[in-house]
């Protein structure tokens, strides 16, 4: 009634992880050169700079700086107080 359980002999040369992904190219699959690096589009750079400016302005405003477009030189010095807010945020 009780039949002994047959144990399968595992192939010791087989890898422990079986996958369909080849690890190395075969002879007919040469390595290809990687694609050229992606350049940052101009729009992304402009949007980043605008975000940096507006978060710096928000930080300067929270620090109590008087920001005005009518006095740009004094506004630039007032923006320095906002960098402690915008740099960690960015």
C-alpha atoms as a PDB file:
ATOM      1  CA  UNK A   1       0.000   0.000   0.000  1.00  0.00           C
ATOM      2  CA  UNK A   2       2.601   2.503   0.922  1.00  0.00           C
ATOM      3  CA  UNK A   3       4.841   3.023  -2.037  1.00  0.00           C
ATOM      4  CA  UNK A   4       8.235   4.579  -1.405  1.00  0.00           C
ATOM      5  CA  UNK A   5       8.540   8.155  -2.619  1.00  0.00           C
ATOM      6  CA  UNK A   6      10.970   8.475  -5.488  1.00  0.00           C
ATOM      7  CA  UNK A   7      13.383  11.328  -5.175  1.00  0.00           C
ATOM      8  CA  UNK A   8      14.446  13.037  -8.333  1.00  0.00           C
ATOM      9  CA  UNK A   9      18.127  13.396  -8.863  1.00  0.00           C
ATOM     10  CA  UNK A  10      18.752  17.065  -9.533  1.00  0.00           C
ATOM     11  CA  UNK A  11      21.335  17.949 -12.115  1.00  0.00           C
ATOM     12  CA  UNK A  12      24.141  19.451 -10.027  1.00  0.00           C
ATOM     13  CA  UNK A  13      25.568  21.383 -12.983  1.00  0.00           C
ATOM     14  CA  UNK A  14      22.318  23.287 -13.558  1.00  0.00           C
ATOM     15  CA  UNK A  15      22.152  26.823 -12.154  1.00  0.00           C
ATOM     16  CA  UNK A  16      19.996  27.360  -9.106  1.00  0.00           C
ATOM     17  CA  UNK A  17      18.106  30.208 -10.757  1.00  0.00           C
ATOM     18  CA  UNK A  18      16.417  29.344 -14.005  1.00  0.00           C
ATOM     19  CA  UNK A  19      15.481  32.200 -16.280  1.00  0.00           C
ATOM     20  CA  UNK A  20      14.815  32.931 -19.890  1.00  0.00           C
ATOM     21  CA  UNK A  21      17.095  35.978 -19.856  1.00  0.00           C
ATOM     22  CA  UNK A  22      20.486  35.255 -21.395  1.00  0.00           C
ATOM     23  CA  UNK A  23      23.346  36.469 -19.256  1.00  0.00           C
ATOM     24  CA  UNK A  24      25.888  36.778 -22.031  1.00  0.00           C
ATOM     25  CA  UNK A  25      25.400  37.433 -25.724  1.00  0.00           C
ATOM     26  CA  UNK A  26      25.803  34.488 -27.988  1.00  0.00           C
ATOM     27  CA  UNK A  27      28.178  34.523 -30.911  1.00  0.00           C
ATOM     28  CA  UNK A  28      25.545  35.861 -33.284  1.00  0.00           C
ATOM     29  CA  UNK A  29      24.479  38.687 -30.901  1.00  0.00           C
ATOM     30  CA  UNK A  30      27.311  41.231 -30.730  1.00  0.00           C
ATOM     31  CA  UNK A  31      27.357  43.978 -28.144  1.00  0.00           C
ATOM     32  CA  UNK A  32      25.754  47.195 -29.308  1.00  0.00           C
ATOM     33  CA  UNK A  33      26.904  50.652 -28.359  1.00  0.00           C
ATOM     34  CA  UNK A  34      24.789  52.445 -25.775  1.00  0.00           C
ATOM     35  CA  UNK A  35      22.470  55.172 -26.951  1.00  0.00           C
ATOM     36  CA  UNK A  36      23.727  58.740 -26.834  1.00  0.00           C
ATOM     37  CA  UNK A  37      22.996  60.529 -23.548  1.00  0.00           C
ATOM     38  CA  UNK A  38      19.746  62.426 -23.411  1.00  0.00           C
ATOM     39  CA  UNK A  39      20.103  66.184 -23.444  1.00  0.00           C
ATOM     40  CA  UNK A  40      17.968  68.265 -21.101  1.00  0.00           C
ATOM     41  CA  UNK A  41      15.363  70.077 -23.139  1.00  0.00           C
ATOM     42  CA  UNK A  42      15.349  73.831 -22.827  1.00  0.00           C
ATOM     43  CA  UNK A  43      11.796  73.841 -21.449  1.00  0.00           C
ATOM     44  CA  UNK A  44      12.825  71.620 -18.515  1.00  0.00           C
ATOM     45  CA  UNK A  45      15.700  73.949 -17.635  1.00  0.00           C
ATOM     46  CA  UNK A  46      13.472  77.043 -17.833  1.00  0.00           C
ATOM     47  CA  UNK A  47      10.790  75.444 -15.650  1.00  0.00           C
ATOM     48  CA  UNK A  48      13.409  74.386 -13.095  1.00  0.00           C
ATOM     49  CA  UNK A  49      14.799  77.927 -12.891  1.00  0.00           C
ATOM     50  CA  UNK A  50      11.306  79.401 -12.526  1.00  0.00           C
ATOM     51  CA  UNK A  51      10.518  76.931  -9.756  1.00  0.00           C
ATOM     52  CA  UNK A  52      13.780  77.800  -8.008  1.00  0.00           C
ATOM     53  CA  UNK A  53      12.957  81.510  -8.291  1.00  0.00           C
ATOM     54  CA  UNK A  54       9.410  81.184  -6.972  1.00  0.00           C
ATOM     55  CA  UNK A  55      10.407  78.955  -4.040  1.00  0.00           C
ATOM     56  CA  UNK A  56      13.201  81.413  -3.193  1.00  0.00           C
ATOM     57  CA  UNK A  57      10.686  84.257  -3.318  1.00  0.00           C
ATOM     58  CA  UNK A  58       8.343  82.306  -1.018  1.00  0.00           C
ATOM     59  CA  UNK A  59      11.178  81.669   1.438  1.00  0.00           C
ATOM     60  CA  UNK A  60      12.189  85.350   1.394  1.00  0.00           C
ATOM     61  CA  UNK A  61       8.581  86.391   1.934  1.00  0.00           C
ATOM     62  CA  UNK A  62       8.310  84.043   4.949  1.00  0.00           C
ATOM     63  CA  UNK A  63      11.567  85.532   6.283  1.00  0.00           C
ATOM     64  CA  UNK A  64       9.959  88.984   6.152  1.00  0.00           C
ATOM     65  CA  UNK A  65      11.701  90.389   3.071  1.00  0.00           C
ATOM     66  CA  UNK A  66      10.067  93.158   1.077  1.00  0.00           C
ATOM     67  CA  UNK A  67       9.977  91.877  -2.502  1.00  0.00           C
ATOM     68  CA  UNK A  68       9.140  94.293  -5.272  1.00  0.00           C
ATOM     69  CA  UNK A  69       9.505  94.219  -9.041  1.00  0.00           C
ATOM     70  CA  UNK A  70       9.875  98.001  -8.976  1.00  0.00           C
ATOM     71  CA  UNK A  71      13.168  97.733  -7.046  1.00  0.00           C
ATOM     72  CA  UNK A  72      14.942  94.726  -8.567  1.00  0.00           C
ATOM     73  CA  UNK A  73      18.362  95.322  -6.967  1.00  0.00           C
ATOM     74  CA  UNK A  74      17.001  95.367  -3.432  1.00  0.00           C
ATOM     75  CA  UNK A  75      14.805  92.410  -4.329  1.00  0.00           C
ATOM     76  CA  UNK A  76      17.859  90.382  -5.357  1.00  0.00           C
ATOM     77  CA  UNK A  77      19.489  91.005  -1.985  1.00  0.00           C
ATOM     78  CA  UNK A  78      16.222  90.130  -0.256  1.00  0.00           C
ATOM     79  CA  UNK A  79      16.115  86.853  -2.181  1.00  0.00           C
ATOM     80  CA  UNK A  80      19.255  85.673  -0.389  1.00  0.00           C
ATOM     81  CA  UNK A  81      17.135  85.148   2.723  1.00  0.00           C
ATOM     82  CA  UNK A  82      14.907  82.780   0.787  1.00  0.00           C
ATOM     83  CA  UNK A  83      17.696  80.486  -0.334  1.00  0.00           C
ATOM     84  CA  UNK A  84      17.695  78.718   3.027  1.00  0.00           C
ATOM     85  CA  UNK A  85      14.138  77.656   2.177  1.00  0.00           C
ATOM     86  CA  UNK A  86      14.406  76.889  -1.529  1.00  0.00           C
ATOM     87  CA  UNK A  87      17.739  75.026  -1.713  1.00  0.00           C
ATOM     88  CA  UNK A  88      16.723  72.208   0.699  1.00  0.00           C
ATOM     89  CA  UNK A  89      13.309  72.092  -0.932  1.00  0.00           C
ATOM     90  CA  UNK A  90      14.748  71.649  -4.384  1.00  0.00           C
END
